[in-house]
Amino acid sequence: PVEDGDGLYIAYHDHAPRLQGRVKVLLGDDVWPERMEVAPSGCGPRRDDGGVEAIDAWLGVHPSARMVVLDTLQRFRGGNAGEGDKNAYAADYQVSADLQELAMKHGVVIVAVHHYRKSLSETDWVDQISGTNGIAGAADTLLGFERQRGEQVAVLRITGRDVDEAELALAFDAEK
């Protein structure tokens, strides 16, 4: 069971027409949920331009908010956060820590979409997360979505502080 609430989806690299196409695939002829706000590319605040504060302000105005989605974390971070820095781990950790603290403050889930690196890990899927381990270090829960390009089946891997580790098989059904 889930509790109804407001949501914010910040699509840092999706323009409005692309988002409309995606919504059509997901909802068909159903109406977009009234309590879900979407900020297309160019409209979302980046971290280095007051993004954490802007999301904090939005959450303050929407006390019944339940979720914020940042798609993608790298676009939210802006600039070259952590790249070439002697302490890249600390820079990566701080981005995740800022979001984790914001989520705790408002009692919401913040989903930060991020990517795997090109080389895969033979030992632990968490090591496949692009960047340093600092990104995963401050996050409460990690979800890893894996599928082969063009395939309609995937695996969702889950780990975290307050969740049981799991691997779930997923399949996309265009008819539903």
C-alpha atoms as a PDB file:
ATOM      1  CA  PRO A   1       0.000   0.000   0.000  1.00  0.00           C
ATOM      2  CA  VAL A   2       1.160   3.507  -0.784  1.00  0.00           C
ATOM      3  CA  GLU A   3      -0.026   6.917   0.333  1.00  0.00           C
ATOM      4  CA  ASP A   4      -1.203   9.361  -2.338  1.00  0.00           C
ATOM      5  CA  GLY A   5       0.873  12.465  -2.696  1.00  0.00           C
ATOM      6  CA  ASP A   6       2.453  15.029  -4.977  1.00  0.00           C
ATOM      7  CA  GLY A   7       5.405  14.182  -7.184  1.00  0.00           C
ATOM      8  CA  LEU A   8       8.053  16.088  -9.101  1.00  0.00           C
ATOM      9  CA  TYR A   9       9.872  14.681 -12.124  1.00  0.00           C
ATOM     10  CA  ILE A  10      12.790  16.762 -13.398  1.00  0.00           C
ATOM     11  CA  ALA A  11      13.769  15.568 -16.864  1.00  0.00           C
ATOM     12  CA  TYR A  12      17.131  17.237 -17.380  1.00  0.00           C
ATOM     13  CA  HIS A  13      17.595  15.950 -20.914  1.00  0.00           C
ATOM     14  CA  ASP A  14      14.057  15.411 -22.187  1.00  0.00           C
ATOM     15  CA  HIS A  15      12.278  18.218 -24.002  1.00  0.00           C
ATOM     16  CA  ALA A  16       8.480  18.551 -23.781  1.00  0.00           C
ATOM     17  CA  PRO A  17       7.610  16.668 -27.035  1.00  0.00           C
ATOM     18  CA  ARG A  18       9.748  13.671 -25.998  1.00  0.00           C
ATOM     19  CA  LEU A  19       8.106  13.607 -22.573  1.00  0.00           C
ATOM     20  CA  GLN A  20       4.653  13.726 -24.184  1.00  0.00           C
ATOM     21  CA  GLY A  21       5.578  10.694 -26.284  1.00  0.00           C
ATOM     22  CA  ARG A  22       6.770   8.775 -23.236  1.00  0.00           C
ATOM     23  CA  VAL A  23       3.623   9.637 -21.292  1.00  0.00           C
ATOM     24  CA  LYS A  24       1.501   8.391 -24.198  1.00  0.00           C
ATOM     25  CA  VAL A  25       3.319   5.032 -24.086  1.00  0.00           C
ATOM     26  CA  LEU A  26       2.830   4.740 -20.322  1.00  0.00           C
ATOM     27  CA  LEU A  27      -0.710   6.091 -19.958  1.00  0.00           C
ATOM     28  CA  GLY A  28      -2.311   5.603 -23.354  1.00  0.00           C
ATOM     29  CA  ASP A  29      -5.425   7.774 -23.390  1.00  0.00           C
ATOM     30  CA  ASP A  30      -5.484   8.200 -19.596  1.00  0.00           C
ATOM     31  CA  VAL A  31      -5.021  11.702 -18.200  1.00  0.00           C
ATOM     32  CA  TRP A  32      -1.721  12.750 -16.646  1.00  0.00           C
ATOM     33  CA  PRO A  33      -1.997  12.681 -12.824  1.00  0.00           C
ATOM     34  CA  GLU A  34      -2.871  16.155 -11.497  1.00  0.00           C
ATOM     35  CA  ARG A  35      -0.470  15.896  -8.584  1.00  0.00           C
ATOM     36  CA  MET A  36       2.562  15.048 -10.736  1.00  0.00           C
ATOM     37  CA  GLU A  37       4.615  18.040 -11.858  1.00  0.00           C
ATOM     38  CA  VAL A  38       7.112  17.692 -14.672  1.00  0.00           C
ATOM     39  CA  ALA A  39       9.996  20.001 -15.460  1.00  0.00           C
ATOM     40  CA  PRO A  40      11.376  19.350 -18.957  1.00  0.00           C
ATOM     41  CA  SER A  41      14.937  20.015 -20.079  1.00  0.00           C
ATOM     42  CA  GLY A  42      16.037  23.555 -19.341  1.00  0.00           C
ATOM     43  CA  CYS A  43      13.488  24.004 -16.536  1.00  0.00           C
ATOM     44  CA  GLY A  44      15.071  21.972 -13.758  1.00  0.00           C
ATOM     45  CA  PRO A  45      17.400  23.501 -11.195  1.00  0.00           C
ATOM     46  CA  ARG A  46      20.959  22.174 -11.147  1.00  0.00           C
ATOM     47  CA  ARG A  47      22.857  21.612  -7.922  1.00  0.00           C
ATOM     48  CA  ASP A  48      25.514  24.207  -8.678  1.00  0.00           C
ATOM     49  CA  ASP A  49      22.774  26.780  -9.397  1.00  0.00           C
ATOM     50  CA  GLY A  50      20.801  26.329  -6.170  1.00  0.00           C
ATOM     51  CA  GLY A  51      19.130  23.055  -7.152  1.00  0.00           C
ATOM     52  CA  VAL A  52      19.012  21.571  -3.660  1.00  0.00           C
ATOM     53  CA  GLU A  53      17.473  24.779  -2.325  1.00  0.00           C
ATOM     54  CA  ALA A  54      14.940  24.929  -5.183  1.00  0.00           C
ATOM     55  CA  ILE A  55      13.804  21.353  -4.566  1.00  0.00           C
ATOM     56  CA  ASP A  56      13.689  22.071  -0.830  1.00  0.00           C
ATOM     57  CA  ALA A  57      11.438  25.084  -1.559  1.00  0.00           C
ATOM     58  CA  TRP A  58       9.162  22.998  -3.838  1.00  0.00           C
ATOM     59  CA  LEU A  59       8.843  20.359  -1.132  1.00  0.00           C
ATOM     60  CA  GLY A  60       8.024  23.084   1.395  1.00  0.00           C
ATOM     61  CA  VAL A  61       5.122  24.255  -0.779  1.00  0.00           C
ATOM     62  CA  HIS A  62       3.982  20.644  -1.359  1.00  0.00           C
ATOM     63  CA  PRO A  63       3.854  19.093   2.127  1.00  0.00           C
ATOM     64  CA  SER A  64       1.999  16.055   0.756  1.00  0.00           C
ATOM     65  CA  ALA A  65       4.814  15.298  -1.700  1.00  0.00           C
ATOM     66  CA  ARG A  66       5.974  11.690  -1.717  1.00  0.00           C
ATOM     67  CA  MET A  67       8.614  11.562  -4.458  1.00  0.00           C
ATOM     68  CA  VAL A  68      11.079  13.622  -6.494  1.00  0.00           C
ATOM     69  CA  VAL A  69      12.826  12.124  -9.524  1.00  0.00           C
ATOM     70  CA  LEU A  70      16.034  13.608 -10.922  1.00  0.00           C
ATOM     71  CA  ASP A  71      16.723  12.270 -14.402  1.00  0.00           C
ATOM     72  CA  THR A  72      19.740  12.199 -14.483  1.00  0.00           C
ATOM     73  CA  LEU A  73      21.998  12.690 -11.473  1.00  0.00           C
ATOM     74  CA  GLN A  74      24.868  13.893 -13.650  1.00  0.00           C
ATOM     75  CA  ARG A  75      22.713  16.614 -15.219  1.00  0.00           C
ATOM     76  CA  PHE A  76      21.527  17.663 -11.753  1.00  0.00           C
ATOM     77  CA  ARG A  77      25.137  17.834 -10.542  1.00  0.00           C
ATOM     78  CA  GLY A  78      26.092  20.140 -13.386  1.00  0.00           C
ATOM     79  CA  GLY A  79      29.641  21.034 -14.357  1.00  0.00           C
ATOM     80  CA  ASN A  80      32.361  18.504 -13.744  1.00  0.00           C
ATOM     81  CA  ALA A  81      31.594  17.731 -10.114  1.00  0.00           C
ATOM     82  CA  GLY A  82      34.284  15.422  -8.800  1.00  0.00           C
ATOM     83  CA  GLU A  83      36.070  14.956 -12.136  1.00  0.00           C
ATOM     84  CA  GLY A  84      39.777  15.566 -11.906  1.00  0.00           C
ATOM     85  CA  ASP A  85      39.390  16.415  -8.231  1.00  0.00           C
ATOM     86  CA  LYS A  86      41.941  14.911  -5.864  1.00  0.00           C
ATOM     87  CA  ASN A  87      39.011  14.000  -3.649  1.00  0.00           C
ATOM     88  CA  ALA A  88      36.460  12.785  -6.194  1.00  0.00           C
ATOM     89  CA  TYR A  89      34.980  10.374  -3.637  1.00  0.00           C
ATOM     90  CA  ALA A  90      34.156  13.273  -1.298  1.00  0.00           C
ATOM     91  CA  ALA A  91      32.563  15.270  -4.129  1.00  0.00           C
ATOM     92  CA  ASP A  92      30.452  12.291  -5.248  1.00  0.00           C
ATOM     93  CA  TYR A  93      29.492  11.480  -1.657  1.00  0.00           C
ATOM     94  CA  GLN A  94      28.412  15.073  -0.988  1.00  0.00           C
ATOM     95  CA  VAL A  95      25.960  15.094  -3.912  1.00  0.00           C
ATOM     96  CA  SER A  96      24.284  11.936  -2.606  1.00  0.00           C
ATOM     97  CA  ALA A  97      24.408  13.170   0.994  1.00  0.00           C
ATOM     98  CA  ASP A  98      22.691  16.456   0.048  1.00  0.00           C
ATOM     99  CA  LEU A  99      19.844  14.530  -1.587  1.00  0.00           C
ATOM    100  CA  GLN A 100      19.622  12.005   1.253  1.00  0.00           C
ATOM    101  CA  GLU A 101      19.378  14.801   3.844  1.00  0.00           C
ATOM    102  CA  LEU A 102      16.696  16.561   1.794  1.00  0.00           C
ATOM    103  CA  ALA A 103      14.697  13.334   1.548  1.00  0.00           C
ATOM    104  CA  MET A 104      14.918  12.783   5.299  1.00  0.00           C
ATOM    105  CA  LYS A 105      13.959  16.402   6.056  1.00  0.00           C
ATOM    106  CA  HIS A 106      10.733  16.148   4.032  1.00  0.00           C
ATOM    107  CA  GLY A 107       9.950  12.453   4.440  1.00  0.00           C
ATOM    108  CA  VAL A 108      10.039  11.813   0.699  1.00  0.00           C
ATOM    109  CA  VAL A 109      11.759   9.475  -1.698  1.00  0.00           C
ATOM    110  CA  ILE A 110      14.284  11.109  -4.011  1.00  0.00           C
ATOM    111  CA  VAL A 111      15.147   8.958  -6.996  1.00  0.00           C
ATOM    112  CA  ALA A 112      18.322  10.050  -8.755  1.00  0.00           C
ATOM    113  CA  VAL A 113      18.645   8.226 -12.066  1.00  0.00           C
ATOM    114  CA  HIS A 114      22.283   7.428 -12.807  1.00  0.00           C
ATOM    115  CA  HIS A 115      24.179   5.154 -15.174  1.00  0.00           C
ATOM    116  CA  TYR A 116      26.479   2.181 -14.995  1.00  0.00           C
ATOM    117  CA  ARG A 117      30.015   2.564 -16.245  1.00  0.00           C
ATOM    118  CA  LYS A 118      31.022   0.841 -19.473  1.00  0.00           C
ATOM    119  CA  SER A 119      33.104  -1.910 -17.835  1.00  0.00           C
ATOM    120  CA  LEU A 120      31.119  -4.381 -15.801  1.00  0.00           C
ATOM    121  CA  SER A 121      32.079  -5.762 -12.419  1.00  0.00           C
ATOM    122  CA  GLU A 122      32.448  -9.494 -11.974  1.00  0.00           C
ATOM    123  CA  THR A 123      31.994  -9.304  -8.199  1.00  0.00           C
ATOM    124  CA  ASP A 124      29.411  -6.679  -7.178  1.00  0.00           C
ATOM    125  CA  TRP A 125      26.849  -4.859  -9.317  1.00  0.00           C
ATOM    126  CA  VAL A 126      27.197  -1.744  -7.120  1.00  0.00           C
ATOM    127  CA  ASP A 127      30.765  -1.388  -8.457  1.00  0.00           C
ATOM    128  CA  GLN A 128      29.237  -0.827 -11.898  1.00  0.00           C
ATOM    129  CA  ILE A 129      27.799   2.553 -10.878  1.00  0.00           C
ATOM    130  CA  SER A 130      29.531   5.305 -12.826  1.00  0.00           C
ATOM    131  CA  GLY A 131      31.800   7.518 -10.722  1.00  0.00           C
ATOM    132  CA  THR A 132      33.321   6.720  -7.363  1.00  0.00           C
ATOM    133  CA  ASN A 133      31.745   4.664  -4.593  1.00  0.00           C
ATOM    134  CA  GLY A 134      30.836   7.990  -2.998  1.00  0.00           C
ATOM    135  CA  ILE A 135      27.656   8.152  -5.083  1.00  0.00           C
ATOM    136  CA  ALA A 136      26.386   4.898  -3.569  1.00  0.00           C
ATOM    137  CA  GLY A 137      27.941   5.604  -0.166  1.00  0.00           C
ATOM    138  CA  ALA A 138      25.360   8.126   1.047  1.00  0.00           C
ATOM    139  CA  ALA A 139      22.311   6.619  -0.663  1.00  0.00           C
ATOM    140  CA  ASP A 140      19.881   4.704   1.540  1.00  0.00           C
ATOM    141  CA  THR A 141      18.776   2.365  -1.249  1.00  0.00           C
ATOM    142  CA  LEU A 142      20.238   1.437  -4.624  1.00  0.00           C
ATOM    143  CA  LEU A 143      18.281  -0.008  -7.527  1.00  0.00           C
ATOM    144  CA  GLY A 144      20.174  -1.397 -10.499  1.00  0.00           C
ATOM    145  CA  PHE A 145      18.229  -1.929 -13.714  1.00  0.00           C
ATOM    146  CA  GLU A 146      19.951  -4.214 -16.202  1.00  0.00           C
ATOM    147  CA  ARG A 147      18.823  -5.265 -19.655  1.00  0.00           C
ATOM    148  CA  GLN A 148      20.415  -5.976 -22.979  1.00  0.00           C
ATOM    149  CA  ARG A 149      19.767  -3.364 -25.665  1.00  0.00           C
ATOM    150  CA  GLY A 150      16.584  -4.211 -27.549  1.00  0.00           C
ATOM    151  CA  GLU A 151      15.461  -6.862 -25.075  1.00  0.00           C
ATOM    152  CA  GLN A 152      12.045  -6.767 -23.395  1.00  0.00           C
ATOM    153  CA  VAL A 153      13.241  -8.519 -20.217  1.00  0.00           C
ATOM    154  CA  ALA A 154      15.446  -7.117 -17.469  1.00  0.00           C
ATOM    155  CA  VAL A 155      16.674  -7.615 -13.914  1.00  0.00           C
ATOM    156  CA  LEU A 156      16.081  -5.133 -11.108  1.00  0.00           C
ATOM    157  CA  ARG A 157      18.692  -5.436  -8.344  1.00  0.00           C
ATOM    158  CA  ILE A 158      17.982  -3.910  -4.939  1.00  0.00           C
ATOM    159  CA  THR A 159      20.231  -3.240  -1.949  1.00  0.00           C
ATOM    160  CA  GLY A 160      20.238  -0.744   0.877  1.00  0.00           C
ATOM    161  CA  ARG A 161      20.261   0.064   4.544  1.00  0.00           C
ATOM    162  CA  ASP A 162      16.618  -0.679   5.312  1.00  0.00           C
ATOM    163  CA  VAL A 163      15.630  -3.093   2.548  1.00  0.00           C
ATOM    164  CA  ASP A 164      16.196  -6.763   1.912  1.00  0.00           C
ATOM    165  CA  GLU A 165      18.544  -7.420  -0.988  1.00  0.00           C
ATOM    166  CA  ALA A 166      16.704  -8.769  -3.981  1.00  0.00           C
ATOM    167  CA  GLU A 167      16.859  -9.478  -7.688  1.00  0.00           C
ATOM    168  CA  LEU A 168      13.576  -9.225  -9.569  1.00  0.00           C
ATOM    169  CA  ALA A 169      12.864 -10.372 -13.113  1.00  0.00           C
ATOM    170  CA  LEU A 170      11.005  -7.753 -15.178  1.00  0.00           C
ATOM    171  CA  ALA A 171       9.327  -7.891 -18.578  1.00  0.00           C
ATOM    172  CA  PHE A 172       7.903  -5.069 -20.703  1.00  0.00           C
ATOM    173  CA  ASP A 173       4.496  -5.821 -22.143  1.00  0.00           C
ATOM    174  CA  ALA A 174       3.506  -3.205 -24.741  1.00  0.00           C
ATOM    175  CA  GLU A 175      -0.081  -4.477 -24.669  1.00  0.00           C
ATOM    176  CA  LYS A 176      -0.671  -3.534 -21.011  1.00  0.00           C
END
